[in-house]
Amino acid sequence: MQTIVYRDITRSQSEKRTPVAPDPTAFRSRLTPDSVLLFRYTALTFNAHRIHYDHIYATKAEAYPGLVLHGPLQATLLLNLAADALNETSHGFSFRGLASLTLPCEMQLNCRREGATGTVWCQDETSLCCFSADYSGS
């Protein structure tokens, strides 16, 4: 099941959001996405929404500070991180987008494993949590 929620375009992009303190026990990975990655993922998934590849449209028409990273791209990266932590394919994966992640940024992918289950999340370089998921192994 998938639920998509679109944000109100009149909402201020400068809303204050509380960063999440880094977890020293979490496994971390970093990625600096660029417009080429977003364009390729857009083509791969047949997602024609211009906020992912047209900077002028994303910033002028939709009022984002930059190109927007796809939620499914973040989910894919986190699912791969969970599989690495489990050393096997995850059998359960439930994710939720929390905030828009826009270019330029450095993604911090985090994983906290608790036996055969765990939590993965994505933060930007300011430690704002943008995406989270729970996973389980066999």
C-alpha atoms as a PDB file:
ATOM      1  CA  MET A   1       0.000   0.000   0.000  1.00  0.00           C
ATOM      2  CA  GLN A   2       1.228   3.491  -0.784  1.00  0.00           C
ATOM      3  CA  THR A   3      -0.102   6.829   0.406  1.00  0.00           C
ATOM      4  CA  ILE A   4       1.162   9.959  -1.304  1.00  0.00           C
ATOM      5  CA  VAL A   5       0.743  13.317   0.397  1.00  0.00           C
ATOM      6  CA  TYR A   6       1.334  16.509  -1.552  1.00  0.00           C
ATOM      7  CA  ARG A   7       2.416  19.582   0.358  1.00  0.00           C
ATOM      8  CA  ASP A   8       0.567  22.878   0.283  1.00  0.00           C
ATOM      9  CA  ILE A   9       2.449  25.142  -2.141  1.00  0.00           C
ATOM     10  CA  THR A  10       1.634  28.212  -0.035  1.00  0.00           C
ATOM     11  CA  ARG A  11       3.393  26.739   2.991  1.00  0.00           C
ATOM     12  CA  SER A  12       6.658  28.446   3.865  1.00  0.00           C
ATOM     13  CA  GLN A  13       9.817  26.577   2.919  1.00  0.00           C
ATOM     14  CA  SER A  14      11.617  28.166   5.843  1.00  0.00           C
ATOM     15  CA  GLU A  15       9.608  26.385   8.535  1.00  0.00           C
ATOM     16  CA  LYS A  16      11.715  25.484  11.536  1.00  0.00           C
ATOM     17  CA  ARG A  17      12.346  21.767  11.837  1.00  0.00           C
ATOM     18  CA  THR A  18      14.293  20.140  14.618  1.00  0.00           C
ATOM     19  CA  PRO A  19      17.449  18.277  13.614  1.00  0.00           C
ATOM     20  CA  VAL A  20      18.070  14.797  14.986  1.00  0.00           C
ATOM     21  CA  ALA A  21      21.294  14.396  16.942  1.00  0.00           C
ATOM     22  CA  PRO A  22      23.750  11.946  15.338  1.00  0.00           C
ATOM     23  CA  ASP A  23      23.544   8.432  16.778  1.00  0.00           C
ATOM     24  CA  PRO A  24      27.083   7.209  17.541  1.00  0.00           C
ATOM     25  CA  THR A  25      25.887   3.563  17.510  1.00  0.00           C
ATOM     26  CA  ALA A  26      24.374   3.771  14.021  1.00  0.00           C
ATOM     27  CA  PHE A  27      26.085   2.500  10.889  1.00  0.00           C
ATOM     28  CA  ARG A  28      26.472   5.432   8.505  1.00  0.00           C
ATOM     29  CA  SER A  29      26.975   5.982   4.826  1.00  0.00           C
ATOM     30  CA  ARG A  30      27.167   9.243   2.904  1.00  0.00           C
ATOM     31  CA  LEU A  31      26.107  10.181  -0.599  1.00  0.00           C
ATOM     32  CA  THR A  32      26.209  13.486  -2.439  1.00  0.00           C
ATOM     33  CA  PRO A  33      23.450  13.228  -5.041  1.00  0.00           C
ATOM     34  CA  ASP A  34      23.534  15.397  -8.143  1.00  0.00           C
ATOM     35  CA  SER A  35      21.208  16.367 -10.974  1.00  0.00           C
ATOM     36  CA  VAL A  36      22.476  13.496 -13.142  1.00  0.00           C
ATOM     37  CA  LEU A  37      21.445  10.915 -10.523  1.00  0.00           C
ATOM     38  CA  LEU A  38      17.998  12.527 -10.223  1.00  0.00           C
ATOM     39  CA  PHE A  39      17.549  12.627 -13.993  1.00  0.00           C
ATOM     40  CA  ARG A  40      18.568   8.985 -14.358  1.00  0.00           C
ATOM     41  CA  TYR A  41      16.255   7.856 -11.553  1.00  0.00           C
ATOM     42  CA  THR A  42      13.445   9.899 -13.119  1.00  0.00           C
ATOM     43  CA  ALA A  43      13.991   8.097 -16.429  1.00  0.00           C
ATOM     44  CA  LEU A  44      14.329   4.682 -14.782  1.00  0.00           C
ATOM     45  CA  THR A  45      11.031   5.046 -12.903  1.00  0.00           C
ATOM     46  CA  PHE A  46       9.161   6.917 -15.667  1.00  0.00           C
ATOM     47  CA  ASN A  47       8.503   9.743 -13.196  1.00  0.00           C
ATOM     48  CA  ALA A  48       7.908  12.857 -15.282  1.00  0.00           C
ATOM     49  CA  HIS A  49       7.449  15.302 -12.398  1.00  0.00           C
ATOM     50  CA  ARG A  50       9.638  18.289 -13.199  1.00  0.00           C
ATOM     51  CA  ILE A  51      10.662  18.965  -9.562  1.00  0.00           C
ATOM     52  CA  HIS A  52      13.229  16.175  -9.974  1.00  0.00           C
ATOM     53  CA  TYR A  53      15.027  17.419 -13.105  1.00  0.00           C
ATOM     54  CA  ASP A  54      13.970  20.998 -13.997  1.00  0.00           C
ATOM     55  CA  HIS A  55      15.682  23.421 -11.593  1.00  0.00           C
ATOM     56  CA  ILE A  56      13.815  26.504 -12.804  1.00  0.00           C
ATOM     57  CA  TYR A  57      10.433  24.783 -12.458  1.00  0.00           C
ATOM     58  CA  ALA A  58      11.282  23.338  -9.020  1.00  0.00           C
ATOM     59  CA  THR A  59      12.457  26.670  -7.642  1.00  0.00           C
ATOM     60  CA  LYS A  60      10.106  29.124  -9.376  1.00  0.00           C
ATOM     61  CA  ALA A  61       6.825  27.247  -9.879  1.00  0.00           C
ATOM     62  CA  GLU A  62       6.968  24.901  -6.865  1.00  0.00           C
ATOM     63  CA  ALA A  63       9.026  27.128  -4.508  1.00  0.00           C
ATOM     64  CA  TYR A  64      11.571  24.468  -3.539  1.00  0.00           C
ATOM     65  CA  PRO A  65      15.133  25.620  -2.804  1.00  0.00           C
ATOM     66  CA  GLY A  66      16.481  23.164  -5.412  1.00  0.00           C
ATOM     67  CA  LEU A  67      15.774  19.926  -7.251  1.00  0.00           C
ATOM     68  CA  VAL A  68      13.873  17.442  -5.055  1.00  0.00           C
ATOM     69  CA  LEU A  69      15.199  13.958  -4.356  1.00  0.00           C
ATOM     70  CA  HIS A  70      12.670  11.237  -5.094  1.00  0.00           C
ATOM     71  CA  GLY A  71      11.135   9.554  -2.058  1.00  0.00           C
ATOM     72  CA  PRO A  72      11.450   6.146  -3.744  1.00  0.00           C
ATOM     73  CA  LEU A  73      15.155   6.823  -4.413  1.00  0.00           C
ATOM     74  CA  GLN A  74      15.696   7.453  -0.705  1.00  0.00           C
ATOM     75  CA  ALA A  75      13.692   4.301   0.101  1.00  0.00           C
ATOM     76  CA  THR A  76      15.826   2.275  -2.327  1.00  0.00           C
ATOM     77  CA  LEU A  77      19.063   3.536  -0.785  1.00  0.00           C
ATOM     78  CA  LEU A  78      17.784   2.786   2.728  1.00  0.00           C
ATOM     79  CA  LEU A  79      16.565  -0.679   1.716  1.00  0.00           C
ATOM     80  CA  ASN A  80      20.051  -1.449   0.375  1.00  0.00           C
ATOM     81  CA  LEU A  81      21.582  -0.204   3.634  1.00  0.00           C
ATOM     82  CA  ALA A  82      19.215  -2.443   5.636  1.00  0.00           C
ATOM     83  CA  ALA A  83      20.160  -5.442   3.460  1.00  0.00           C
ATOM     84  CA  ASP A  84      23.843  -4.708   4.090  1.00  0.00           C
ATOM     85  CA  ALA A  85      23.217  -4.551   7.838  1.00  0.00           C
ATOM     86  CA  LEU A  86      21.326  -7.878   7.783  1.00  0.00           C
ATOM     87  CA  ASN A  87      23.697  -9.531   5.286  1.00  0.00           C
ATOM     88  CA  GLU A  88      20.533 -10.706   3.537  1.00  0.00           C
ATOM     89  CA  THR A  89      17.463  -9.355   1.774  1.00  0.00           C
ATOM     90  CA  SER A  90      15.027  -7.571   4.043  1.00  0.00           C
ATOM     91  CA  HIS A  91      11.661  -9.358   4.313  1.00  0.00           C
ATOM     92  CA  GLY A  92       9.768  -6.400   5.727  1.00  0.00           C
ATOM     93  CA  PHE A  93      10.256  -2.731   4.925  1.00  0.00           C
ATOM     94  CA  SER A  94       7.944   0.119   5.900  1.00  0.00           C
ATOM     95  CA  PHE A  95       9.010   3.670   5.050  1.00  0.00           C
ATOM     96  CA  ARG A  96       7.844   7.241   5.492  1.00  0.00           C
ATOM     97  CA  GLY A  97       8.957  10.543   3.993  1.00  0.00           C
ATOM     98  CA  LEU A  98       9.309  13.249   6.637  1.00  0.00           C
ATOM     99  CA  ALA A  99      10.712  16.298   4.841  1.00  0.00           C
ATOM    100  CA  SER A 100      11.820  17.303   1.367  1.00  0.00           C
ATOM    101  CA  LEU A 101      15.464  16.758   0.562  1.00  0.00           C
ATOM    102  CA  THR A 102      16.728  19.112  -2.113  1.00  0.00           C
ATOM    103  CA  LEU A 103      19.971  19.698  -3.981  1.00  0.00           C
ATOM    104  CA  PRO A 104      22.626  20.608  -3.170  1.00  0.00           C
ATOM    105  CA  CYS A 105      22.920  18.302  -0.169  1.00  0.00           C
ATOM    106  CA  GLU A 106      24.909  15.536   1.393  1.00  0.00           C
ATOM    107  CA  MET A 107      22.729  12.607   2.385  1.00  0.00           C
ATOM    108  CA  GLN A 108      23.611  10.798   5.564  1.00  0.00           C
ATOM    109  CA  LEU A 109      22.186   7.281   5.493  1.00  0.00           C
ATOM    110  CA  ASN A 110      21.963   5.718   8.948  1.00  0.00           C
ATOM    111  CA  CYS A 111      21.136   2.230  10.190  1.00  0.00           C
ATOM    112  CA  ARG A 112      20.494   1.002  13.715  1.00  0.00           C
ATOM    113  CA  ARG A 113      20.205  -2.788  13.858  1.00  0.00           C
ATOM    114  CA  GLU A 114      18.437  -4.588  16.694  1.00  0.00           C
ATOM    115  CA  GLY A 115      18.825  -8.304  16.022  1.00  0.00           C
ATOM    116  CA  ALA A 116      16.849  -9.261  12.908  1.00  0.00           C
ATOM    117  CA  THR A 117      15.105  -5.880  12.764  1.00  0.00           C
ATOM    118  CA  GLY A 118      16.172  -2.276  12.696  1.00  0.00           C
ATOM    119  CA  THR A 119      15.612   1.268  11.645  1.00  0.00           C
ATOM    120  CA  VAL A 120      17.173   3.171   8.770  1.00  0.00           C
ATOM    121  CA  TRP A 121      16.893   6.889   8.156  1.00  0.00           C
ATOM    122  CA  CYS A 122      18.168   9.626   5.915  1.00  0.00           C
ATOM    123  CA  GLN A 123      19.354  13.014   7.108  1.00  0.00           C
ATOM    124  CA  ASP A 124      20.661  16.043   5.305  1.00  0.00           C
ATOM    125  CA  GLU A 125      23.947  17.748   6.175  1.00  0.00           C
ATOM    126  CA  THR A 126      22.187  19.789   8.903  1.00  0.00           C
ATOM    127  CA  SER A 127      20.999  16.526  10.570  1.00  0.00           C
ATOM    128  CA  LEU A 128      17.379  17.097   9.542  1.00  0.00           C
ATOM    129  CA  CYS A 129      15.698  13.671   9.306  1.00  0.00           C
ATOM    130  CA  CYS A 130      14.055  13.483   5.870  1.00  0.00           C
ATOM    131  CA  PHE A 131      13.095   9.830   5.512  1.00  0.00           C
ATOM    132  CA  SER A 132      12.833   6.834   7.823  1.00  0.00           C
ATOM    133  CA  ALA A 133      12.017   3.136   7.591  1.00  0.00           C
ATOM    134  CA  ASP A 134      11.734   0.045   9.727  1.00  0.00           C
ATOM    135  CA  TYR A 135      12.964  -3.271   8.378  1.00  0.00           C
ATOM    136  CA  SER A 136      12.999  -6.926   9.366  1.00  0.00           C
ATOM    137  CA  GLY A 137      14.953  -9.942   8.254  1.00  0.00           C
ATOM    138  CA  SER A 138      13.937 -13.587   8.031  1.00  0.00           C
END
